């Protein structure tokens, strides 16, 4: 009788082990889901922020999720070749992917004073005497990356609407190389290397909160309307049911949810510097489209 029980228990254990092993094997044999994250300030910072998201999705989808990190100008190459399934980028790149590759927006991020939006500011040192956009004529200026909605596009648009053409009316303008371009622009103004600068409102607020700058040292010459910023999008070749599943998982993440990354349990939203994900729709990005068209920037150069 005892022998029989031992055999039964052993068989049950073996069955469970085989079932778990088969499940893991089936998950690992699936083609990895690939998410391309646009590198924000630096590669190391972006990995620290976004790897918990990929780990969480992998756990709850029951399949491998592979993170791919690319510089802003290089993400489109992967999208064009259908080498990624989802993207996490700024709003300009989403508009490009929608226009050219029929991407679908999934979620935005609640972060900072404007929720899932942000504004672009034109700043000057408070001792510069620059008070209005018209005062920028003949002055030097530092921008963020040329594909940055709040570090280039918004400011370029503000200046054109005020009758100032950055390419003709500034003495010169500069875009810094390397990592942390937005911080470099802000410090460039603070330390007098440039008369004015383009800075996302979110970066100004965050640097002030971290004690890196004092906002009283700056004059905010102009600020754009808040427009959508960071966006998760799905590529057109991805199965609609999978798209909906990923969207639901992202929207369901709470402040308490965590994921295992390289042996460490990390809070997902805290790691990503966001409060929560929020649903977005394509029409939310019409304001970005209008800015791009007014500035005749890609993909609307011929507009």
Protein backbone atom coordinates (compact mmCIF):
# COMPACT_ATOMS: atom_id res chain seq x y z
CA UNK A 1 0.00 0.00 0.00
CA UNK A 2 2.81 2.37 0.92
CA UNK A 3 4.68 1.40 -2.25
CA UNK A 4 1.60 2.19 -4.33
CA UNK A 5 1.28 5.65 -2.78
CA UNK A 6 4.95 6.35 -3.42
CA UNK A 7 4.56 5.34 -7.07
CA UNK A 8 1.44 7.51 -7.48
CA UNK A 9 3.09 10.55 -5.88
CA UNK A 10 6.19 10.02 -8.02
CA UNK A 11 4.13 9.80 -11.17
CA UNK A 12 2.19 12.93 -10.25
CA UNK A 13 5.43 14.82 -9.58
CA UNK A 14 6.90 13.61 -12.86
CA UNK A 15 3.76 14.64 -14.70
CA UNK A 16 3.81 18.14 -13.22
CA UNK A 17 7.52 18.49 -13.96
CA UNK A 18 7.03 17.42 -17.57
CA UNK A 19 4.05 19.76 -17.95
CA UNK A 20 6.00 22.73 -16.62
CA UNK A 21 8.99 21.79 -18.75
CA UNK A 22 6.84 21.50 -21.85
CA UNK A 23 5.21 24.87 -21.12
CA UNK A 24 8.61 26.53 -20.73
CA UNK A 25 9.88 24.82 -23.86
CA UNK A 26 6.83 25.96 -25.81
CA UNK A 27 7.29 29.55 -24.60
CA UNK A 28 11.00 29.55 -25.38
CA UNK A 29 10.38 28.06 -28.85
CA UNK A 30 8.12 30.96 -29.79
CA UNK A 31 9.60 33.72 -31.89
CA UNK A 32 10.64 36.55 -29.54
CA UNK A 33 8.42 39.60 -29.48
CA UNK A 34 10.72 42.53 -30.27
CA UNK A 35 10.20 45.98 -28.73
CA UNK A 36 12.36 48.84 -29.95
CA UNK A 37 12.96 51.46 -27.29
CA UNK A 38 14.22 54.81 -28.53
CA UNK A 39 17.28 55.71 -26.46
CA UNK A 40 16.39 58.73 -24.35
CA UNK A 41 19.28 60.37 -22.51
CA UNK A 42 21.69 57.44 -22.71
CA UNK A 43 21.73 53.70 -23.39
CA UNK A 44 22.35 52.73 -19.77
CA UNK A 45 19.57 54.99 -18.52
CA UNK A 46 17.11 53.65 -21.10
CA UNK A 47 17.89 50.02 -20.24
CA UNK A 48 17.39 50.71 -16.53
CA UNK A 49 14.04 52.34 -17.24
CA UNK A 50 12.55 49.93 -19.76
CA UNK A 51 13.89 46.42 -19.15
CA UNK A 52 11.32 45.84 -16.35
CA UNK A 53 8.53 46.56 -18.84
CA UNK A 54 9.83 43.93 -21.27
CA UNK A 55 10.30 41.42 -18.44
CA UNK A 56 6.74 42.01 -17.21
CA UNK A 57 5.28 41.56 -20.69
CA UNK A 58 7.30 38.38 -21.23
CA UNK A 59 6.06 36.90 -17.95
CA UNK A 60 2.40 37.67 -18.64
CA UNK A 61 2.41 36.84 -22.35
CA UNK A 62 4.20 33.56 -21.73
CA UNK A 63 6.70 34.18 -24.51
CA UNK A 64 10.14 35.76 -24.92
CA UNK A 65 10.26 39.54 -25.26
CA UNK A 66 13.43 41.05 -26.66
CA UNK A 67 14.36 44.69 -26.05
CA UNK A 68 16.15 46.58 -28.81
CA UNK A 69 17.65 49.99 -28.08
CA UNK A 70 18.27 52.40 -30.95
CA UNK A 71 19.19 56.04 -31.39
CA UNK A 72 16.29 58.23 -32.51
CA UNK A 73 17.34 58.52 -36.14
CA UNK A 74 17.90 54.75 -36.49
CA UNK A 75 14.58 53.38 -35.24
CA UNK A 76 12.83 53.81 -38.60
CA UNK A 77 15.24 51.42 -40.30
CA UNK A 78 14.06 48.57 -38.06
CA UNK A 79 10.42 49.53 -38.55
CA UNK A 80 10.82 49.68 -42.32
CA UNK A 81 12.37 46.20 -42.38
CA UNK A 82 9.69 44.83 -40.03
CA UNK A 83 12.39 43.78 -37.60
CA UNK A 84 10.45 45.00 -34.55
CA UNK A 85 6.86 44.46 -33.44
CA UNK A 86 6.34 47.35 -31.04
CA UNK A 87 8.07 50.67 -30.50
CA UNK A 88 8.45 53.06 -27.59
CA UNK A 89 9.43 56.44 -29.02
CA UNK A 90 8.65 60.12 -28.97
CA UNK A 91 5.57 61.46 -30.72
CA UNK A 92 7.35 62.60 -33.89
CA UNK A 93 8.52 59.07 -34.60
CA UNK A 94 5.04 57.71 -33.93
CA UNK A 95 3.58 60.15 -36.50
CA UNK A 96 6.21 59.07 -39.04
CA UNK A 97 5.45 55.39 -38.42
CA UNK A 98 1.71 55.98 -38.75
CA UNK A 99 2.13 57.97 -41.96
CA UNK A 100 4.54 55.57 -43.65
CA UNK A 101 3.95 52.15 -42.06
CA UNK A 102 0.38 52.24 -40.65
CA UNK A 103 1.45 51.91 -37.01
CA UNK A 104 -1.19 51.91 -34.26
CA UNK A 105 -0.83 53.94 -31.05
CA UNK A 106 -1.34 51.96 -27.85
CA UNK A 107 -0.54 53.97 -24.73
CA UNK A 108 1.11 57.14 -23.53
CA UNK A 109 2.74 57.85 -20.17
CA UNK A 110 1.51 59.98 -17.28
CA UNK A 111 4.56 61.91 -16.14
CA UNK A 112 5.10 65.49 -15.04
CA UNK A 113 2.85 68.56 -14.92
CA UNK A 114 1.11 67.90 -18.25
CA UNK A 115 0.24 64.22 -17.81
CA UNK A 116 0.94 62.28 -21.00
CA UNK A 117 1.88 65.51 -22.76
CA UNK A 118 4.73 67.96 -22.52
CA UNK A 119 5.57 71.46 -23.77
CA UNK A 120 8.65 72.89 -25.42
CA UNK A 121 10.18 76.01 -23.90
CA UNK A 122 12.59 78.64 -25.16
CA UNK A 123 14.81 79.70 -22.28
CA UNK A 124 17.37 82.44 -21.70
CA UNK A 125 19.48 83.40 -18.72
CA UNK A 126 17.60 85.89 -16.57
CA UNK A 127 20.46 88.38 -16.95
CA UNK A 128 20.47 88.16 -20.77
CA UNK A 129 17.80 90.79 -21.33
CA UNK A 130 15.95 88.43 -23.68
CA UNK A 131 12.25 88.63 -22.92
CA UNK A 132 10.43 87.83 -26.17
CA UNK A 133 10.93 85.68 -29.25
CA UNK A 134 11.66 88.85 -31.25
CA UNK A 135 14.63 89.48 -28.94
CA UNK A 136 16.23 86.32 -30.31
CA UNK A 137 17.05 87.94 -33.63
CA UNK A 138 20.80 87.97 -34.08
CA UNK A 139 21.32 85.78 -30.99
CA UNK A 140 22.83 82.30 -30.66
CA UNK A 141 20.72 79.33 -29.64
CA UNK A 142 21.18 75.69 -28.67
CA UNK A 143 18.54 73.09 -29.52
CA UNK A 144 18.00 69.46 -28.62
CA UNK A 145 17.97 66.68 -31.25
CA UNK A 146 16.32 67.60 -34.56
CA UNK A 147 13.70 64.84 -34.09
CA UNK A 148 12.85 65.98 -30.55
CA UNK A 149 9.25 67.26 -30.33
CA UNK A 150 9.89 69.33 -27.18
CA UNK A 151 13.56 70.10 -27.78
CA UNK A 152 13.47 71.25 -31.40
CA UNK A 153 10.11 71.06 -33.20
CA UNK A 154 8.02 73.01 -30.68
CA UNK A 155 10.58 75.84 -30.46
CA UNK A 156 11.11 76.03 -34.22
CA UNK A 157 7.34 76.25 -34.65
CA UNK A 158 6.99 78.95 -31.97
CA UNK A 159 9.65 81.04 -33.66
CA UNK A 160 8.16 80.72 -37.15
CA UNK A 161 4.73 81.72 -35.84
CA UNK A 162 6.32 84.80 -34.25
CA UNK A 163 7.99 85.81 -37.51
CA UNK A 164 11.51 84.59 -36.63
CA UNK A 165 13.17 82.09 -38.97
CA UNK A 166 15.81 80.17 -36.98
CA UNK A 167 17.81 79.43 -40.14
CA UNK A 168 17.98 83.09 -41.14
CA UNK A 169 17.44 85.29 -38.10
CA UNK A 170 19.67 83.69 -35.46
CA UNK A 171 23.40 84.39 -35.53
CA UNK A 172 23.76 80.58 -35.41
CA UNK A 173 22.28 77.58 -33.67
CA UNK A 174 23.81 74.38 -32.42
CA UNK A 175 22.68 70.81 -31.70
CA UNK A 176 24.94 69.04 -29.19
CA UNK A 177 26.39 65.59 -29.84
CA UNK A 178 26.33 62.55 -27.59
CA UNK A 179 24.11 61.71 -24.64
CA UNK A 180 21.94 63.93 -22.42
CA UNK A 181 21.37 66.52 -25.16
CA UNK A 182 18.51 68.29 -23.37
CA UNK A 183 20.60 68.79 -20.23
CA UNK A 184 23.49 70.02 -22.37
CA UNK A 185 21.17 72.63 -23.92
CA UNK A 186 19.99 73.82 -20.51
CA UNK A 187 23.51 74.00 -19.10
CA UNK A 188 24.66 75.76 -22.26
CA UNK A 189 22.30 78.62 -21.48
CA UNK A 190 23.00 78.59 -17.74
CA UNK A 191 26.75 78.96 -18.23
CA UNK A 192 26.49 81.53 -21.00
CA UNK A 193 27.70 79.49 -23.97
CA UNK A 194 24.50 80.39 -25.84
CA UNK A 195 22.07 83.27 -25.59
CA UNK A 196 19.00 81.02 -25.63
CA UNK A 197 18.07 77.38 -25.66
CA UNK A 198 15.32 74.89 -26.42
CA UNK A 199 14.27 72.70 -23.51
CA UNK A 200 11.37 70.36 -22.76
CA UNK A 201 9.37 71.64 -19.80
CA UNK A 202 9.63 68.16 -18.27
CA UNK A 203 13.44 68.32 -18.28
CA UNK A 204 13.48 71.78 -16.70
CA UNK A 205 11.16 70.62 -13.93
CA UNK A 206 13.08 67.39 -13.34
CA UNK A 207 16.48 69.10 -13.21
CA UNK A 208 15.10 71.68 -10.75
CA UNK A 209 13.59 68.91 -8.61
CA UNK A 210 16.94 67.09 -8.56
CA UNK A 211 18.75 70.28 -7.53
CA UNK A 212 20.77 70.48 -10.74
CA UNK A 213 19.43 73.94 -11.63
CA UNK A 214 17.47 76.81 -10.09
CA UNK A 215 14.58 77.87 -12.30
CA UNK A 216 14.99 81.43 -11.02
CA UNK A 217 18.19 81.64 -13.08
CA UNK A 218 16.16 81.41 -16.30
CA UNK A 219 13.61 83.42 -18.22
CA UNK A 220 11.08 81.26 -20.02
CA UNK A 221 10.78 83.33 -23.18
CA UNK A 222 8.02 81.18 -24.68
CA UNK A 223 6.28 77.87 -24.10
CA UNK A 224 4.34 75.77 -26.59
CA UNK A 225 0.97 74.16 -26.05
CA UNK A 226 1.27 70.73 -24.39
CA UNK A 227 1.31 67.93 -26.97
CA UNK A 228 1.71 64.13 -26.76
CA UNK A 229 5.16 62.85 -25.90
CA UNK A 230 6.35 59.27 -25.30
CA UNK A 231 4.24 56.62 -27.04
CA UNK A 232 4.01 52.85 -27.30
CA UNK A 233 2.94 51.80 -30.79
CA UNK A 234 2.28 48.50 -32.59
CA UNK A 235 3.47 47.76 -36.10
CA UNK A 236 0.95 46.81 -38.78
CA UNK A 237 2.21 43.22 -39.19
CA UNK A 238 1.45 42.27 -35.57
CA UNK A 239 -1.64 40.12 -34.90
CA UNK A 240 -4.49 42.37 -33.65
CA UNK A 241 -5.24 40.04 -30.72
CA UNK A 242 -1.64 40.27 -29.56
CA UNK A 243 -1.74 44.05 -29.95
CA UNK A 244 -4.81 44.23 -27.73
CA UNK A 245 -3.24 41.90 -25.17
CA UNK A 246 -0.07 44.01 -24.91
CA UNK A 247 -2.14 47.19 -24.66
CA UNK A 248 -4.29 45.72 -21.86
CA UNK A 249 -1.21 44.56 -19.95
CA UNK A 250 0.42 47.98 -20.15
CA UNK A 251 -2.74 49.77 -19.05
CA UNK A 252 -3.10 47.35 -16.14
CA UNK A 253 0.34 47.92 -14.61
CA UNK A 254 0.11 49.48 -11.15
CA UNK A 255 2.64 51.09 -8.84
CA UNK A 256 2.89 47.80 -6.96
CA UNK A 257 3.70 45.61 -9.96
CA UNK A 258 7.25 44.39 -10.31
CA UNK A 259 9.40 42.30 -12.63
CA UNK A 260 12.54 40.23 -12.30
CA UNK A 261 15.49 41.69 -14.21
CA UNK A 262 18.90 40.02 -13.93
CA UNK A 263 18.05 38.55 -10.55
CA UNK A 264 16.64 41.80 -9.12
CA UNK A 265 12.96 42.48 -8.45
CA UNK A 266 12.17 46.00 -9.72
CA UNK A 267 9.06 48.16 -9.55
CA UNK A 268 8.03 48.66 -13.18
CA UNK A 269 6.55 52.16 -13.14
CA UNK A 270 9.08 53.52 -10.64
CA UNK A 271 11.93 52.24 -12.81
CA UNK A 272 10.38 53.85 -15.89
CA UNK A 273 9.86 57.21 -14.08
CA UNK A 274 6.14 57.26 -14.84
CA UNK A 275 2.93 57.27 -12.83
CA UNK A 276 0.96 55.01 -15.14
CA UNK A 277 0.15 54.25 -18.76
CA UNK A 278 -2.89 55.84 -20.39
CA UNK A 279 -4.81 54.99 -23.55
CA UNK A 280 -4.21 57.24 -26.57
CA UNK A 281 -5.73 57.52 -30.04
CA UNK A 282 -4.28 58.66 -33.34
CA UNK A 283 -6.17 61.97 -33.44
CA UNK A 284 -4.35 63.00 -30.23
CA UNK A 285 -1.28 63.50 -32.43
CA UNK A 286 -2.85 65.97 -34.86
CA UNK A 287 -1.17 68.84 -33.00
CA UNK A 288 2.24 67.26 -33.70
CA UNK A 289 1.26 66.80 -37.35
CA UNK A 290 0.34 70.47 -37.66
CA UNK A 291 3.67 71.54 -36.14
CA UNK A 292 5.59 69.29 -38.56
CA UNK A 293 3.63 70.66 -41.50
CA UNK A 294 4.16 74.29 -40.52
CA UNK A 295 7.89 73.61 -40.17
CA UNK A 296 7.93 71.47 -43.35
CA UNK A 297 9.69 68.71 -41.48
CA UNK A 298 9.79 65.01 -42.30
CA UNK A 299 7.50 63.36 -43.26
CA UNK A 300 5.71 66.51 -44.46
CA UNK A 301 8.50 68.36 -46.27
CA UNK A 302 6.31 68.82 -49.34
CA UNK A 303 3.18 69.84 -47.47
